Amino acid sequence: MPQLNPGPWFMILVYAWLLFLAIIPTKILNHISPNKPTSVSAKKHKTGSWHWPW
């Protein structure tokens, strides 16, 4: 039963993990986020009470 021979499939598994762990994360992390994080001001917002019409 040749499908039980782990020889070629183990190397394919190793190369796939090397691809996922080395190449793909660096490509993803090189992208720049279009929305830069902004600092939150310490000033509280003035909110009024809500008057229910019923």
N, C-alpha and C. Protein backbone atom coordinates (compact mmCIF):
# COMPACT_ATOMS: atom_id res chain seq x y z
N MET A 1 0.84 -1.17 0.00
CA MET A 1 0.00 0.00 0.00
C MET A 1 0.89 1.24 0.00
N PRO A 2 1.05 1.87 -1.12
CA PRO A 2 2.00 2.98 -1.22
C PRO A 2 1.54 4.24 -0.49
N GLN A 3 0.27 4.40 -0.20
CA GLN A 3 -0.17 5.62 0.47
C GLN A 3 0.30 5.68 1.92
N LEU A 4 0.79 4.56 2.47
CA LEU A 4 1.29 4.56 3.84
C LEU A 4 2.76 4.94 3.91
N ASN A 5 3.40 5.14 2.79
CA ASN A 5 4.81 5.53 2.77
C ASN A 5 4.91 7.01 3.16
N PRO A 6 5.47 7.35 4.33
CA PRO A 6 5.50 8.74 4.77
C PRO A 6 6.62 9.56 4.15
N GLY A 7 7.45 8.95 3.33
CA GLY A 7 8.61 9.63 2.78
C GLY A 7 8.30 10.93 2.06
N PRO A 8 7.60 10.92 0.94
CA PRO A 8 7.37 12.19 0.24
C PRO A 8 6.36 13.09 0.95
N TRP A 9 5.39 12.52 1.64
CA TRP A 9 4.35 13.33 2.26
C TRP A 9 4.85 14.09 3.47
N PHE A 10 5.82 13.54 4.17
CA PHE A 10 6.37 14.25 5.32
C PHE A 10 7.12 15.51 4.86
N MET A 11 7.85 15.43 3.78
CA MET A 11 8.56 16.61 3.28
C MET A 11 7.57 17.65 2.74
N ILE A 12 6.49 17.21 2.14
CA ILE A 12 5.46 18.15 1.70
C ILE A 12 4.86 18.86 2.91
N LEU A 13 4.62 18.13 3.98
CA LEU A 13 4.10 18.73 5.22
C LEU A 13 5.08 19.74 5.79
N VAL A 14 6.36 19.40 5.80
CA VAL A 14 7.38 20.31 6.34
C VAL A 14 7.47 21.57 5.49
N TYR A 15 7.46 21.44 4.18
CA TYR A 15 7.54 22.61 3.31
C TYR A 15 6.29 23.48 3.42
N ALA A 16 5.15 22.86 3.60
CA ALA A 16 3.91 23.64 3.76
C ALA A 16 3.96 24.45 5.05
N TRP A 17 4.45 23.83 6.15
CA TRP A 17 4.56 24.56 7.41
C TRP A 17 5.60 25.67 7.32
N LEU A 18 6.68 25.43 6.62
CA LEU A 18 7.66 26.50 6.44
C LEU A 18 7.07 27.66 5.66
N LEU A 19 6.25 27.34 4.67
CA LEU A 19 5.58 28.39 3.91
C LEU A 19 4.64 29.19 4.81
N PHE A 20 3.85 28.50 5.59
CA PHE A 20 2.89 29.19 6.46
C PHE A 20 3.56 29.98 7.56
N LEU A 21 4.65 29.48 8.11
CA LEU A 21 5.26 30.13 9.26
C LEU A 21 6.31 31.17 8.90
N ALA A 22 6.84 31.15 7.69
CA ALA A 22 7.92 32.08 7.35
C ALA A 22 7.52 33.10 6.30
N ILE A 23 6.85 32.69 5.27
CA ILE A 23 6.60 33.59 4.14
C ILE A 23 5.29 34.33 4.29
N ILE A 24 4.22 33.65 4.59
CA ILE A 24 2.89 34.27 4.62
C ILE A 24 2.76 35.32 5.72
N PRO A 25 3.21 35.09 6.98
CA PRO A 25 3.07 36.15 7.99
C PRO A 25 3.85 37.42 7.64
N THR A 26 5.00 37.29 7.02
CA THR A 26 5.75 38.50 6.66
C THR A 26 5.03 39.28 5.57
N LYS A 27 4.37 38.59 4.65
CA LYS A 27 3.61 39.30 3.62
C LYS A 27 2.40 40.00 4.21
N ILE A 28 1.75 39.37 5.18
CA ILE A 28 0.57 39.97 5.80
C ILE A 28 0.97 41.17 6.65
N LEU A 29 2.07 41.06 7.40
CA LEU A 29 2.48 42.15 8.28
C LEU A 29 3.05 43.34 7.53
N ASN A 30 3.39 43.19 6.26
CA ASN A 30 3.92 44.31 5.48
C ASN A 30 2.83 45.27 5.03
N HIS A 31 1.57 44.87 5.11
CA HIS A 31 0.48 45.75 4.69
C HIS A 31 0.30 46.86 5.72
N ILE A 32 -0.05 48.02 5.25
CA ILE A 32 -0.26 49.18 6.11
C ILE A 32 -1.76 49.35 6.33
N SER A 33 -2.13 49.56 7.56
CA SER A 33 -3.54 49.76 7.87
C SER A 33 -3.97 51.15 7.41
N PRO A 34 -5.09 51.26 6.70
CA PRO A 34 -5.52 52.58 6.23
C PRO A 34 -6.04 53.48 7.35
N ASN A 35 -6.45 52.91 8.45
CA ASN A 35 -6.99 53.69 9.57
C ASN A 35 -5.97 53.72 10.69
N LYS A 36 -5.33 54.86 10.86
CA LYS A 36 -4.37 55.01 11.94
C LYS A 36 -5.11 55.17 13.26
N PRO A 37 -4.62 54.56 14.32
CA PRO A 37 -5.29 54.73 15.62
C PRO A 37 -5.10 56.15 16.13
N THR A 38 -6.15 56.71 16.66
CA THR A 38 -6.10 58.07 17.19
C THR A 38 -6.16 58.01 18.71
N SER A 39 -5.55 58.98 19.35
CA SER A 39 -5.57 59.01 20.80
C SER A 39 -6.93 59.51 21.29
N VAL A 40 -7.35 58.96 22.39
CA VAL A 40 -8.64 59.34 22.96
C VAL A 40 -8.42 60.51 23.90
N SER A 41 -9.26 61.53 23.74
CA SER A 41 -9.11 62.69 24.60
C SER A 41 -9.66 62.38 25.99
N ALA A 42 -9.10 63.05 26.99
CA ALA A 42 -9.52 62.83 28.38
C ALA A 42 -10.78 63.62 28.70
N LYS A 43 -11.20 64.50 27.82
CA LYS A 43 -12.38 65.32 28.05
C LYS A 43 -13.65 64.47 27.96
N LYS A 44 -14.54 64.64 28.94
CA LYS A 44 -15.80 63.91 28.91
C LYS A 44 -16.78 64.62 27.99
N HIS A 45 -17.58 63.84 27.33
CA HIS A 45 -18.61 64.41 26.47
C HIS A 45 -19.80 64.84 27.32
N LYS A 46 -20.37 65.98 26.95
CA LYS A 46 -21.55 66.45 27.66
C LYS A 46 -22.77 65.76 27.06
N THR A 47 -23.48 65.08 27.91
CA THR A 47 -24.69 64.41 27.45
C THR A 47 -25.87 64.95 28.23
N GLY A 48 -26.94 65.17 27.53
CA GLY A 48 -28.15 65.66 28.18
C GLY A 48 -29.07 64.50 28.51
N SER A 49 -30.02 64.78 29.40
CA SER A 49 -30.97 63.73 29.74
C SER A 49 -31.96 63.56 28.60
N TRP A 50 -32.49 62.41 28.48
CA TRP A 50 -33.43 62.10 27.40
C TRP A 50 -34.84 62.22 27.95
N HIS A 51 -35.65 63.02 27.28
CA HIS A 51 -37.02 63.22 27.71
C HIS A 51 -37.92 62.36 26.83
N TRP A 52 -38.53 61.37 27.45
CA TRP A 52 -39.39 60.50 26.70
C TRP A 52 -40.73 61.18 26.47
N PRO A 53 -41.28 61.15 25.26
CA PRO A 53 -42.51 61.87 24.97
C PRO A 53 -43.78 61.19 25.47
N TRP A 54 -43.74 60.19 26.28
CA TRP A 54 -44.92 59.48 26.76
C TRP A 54 -44.99 59.65 28.21
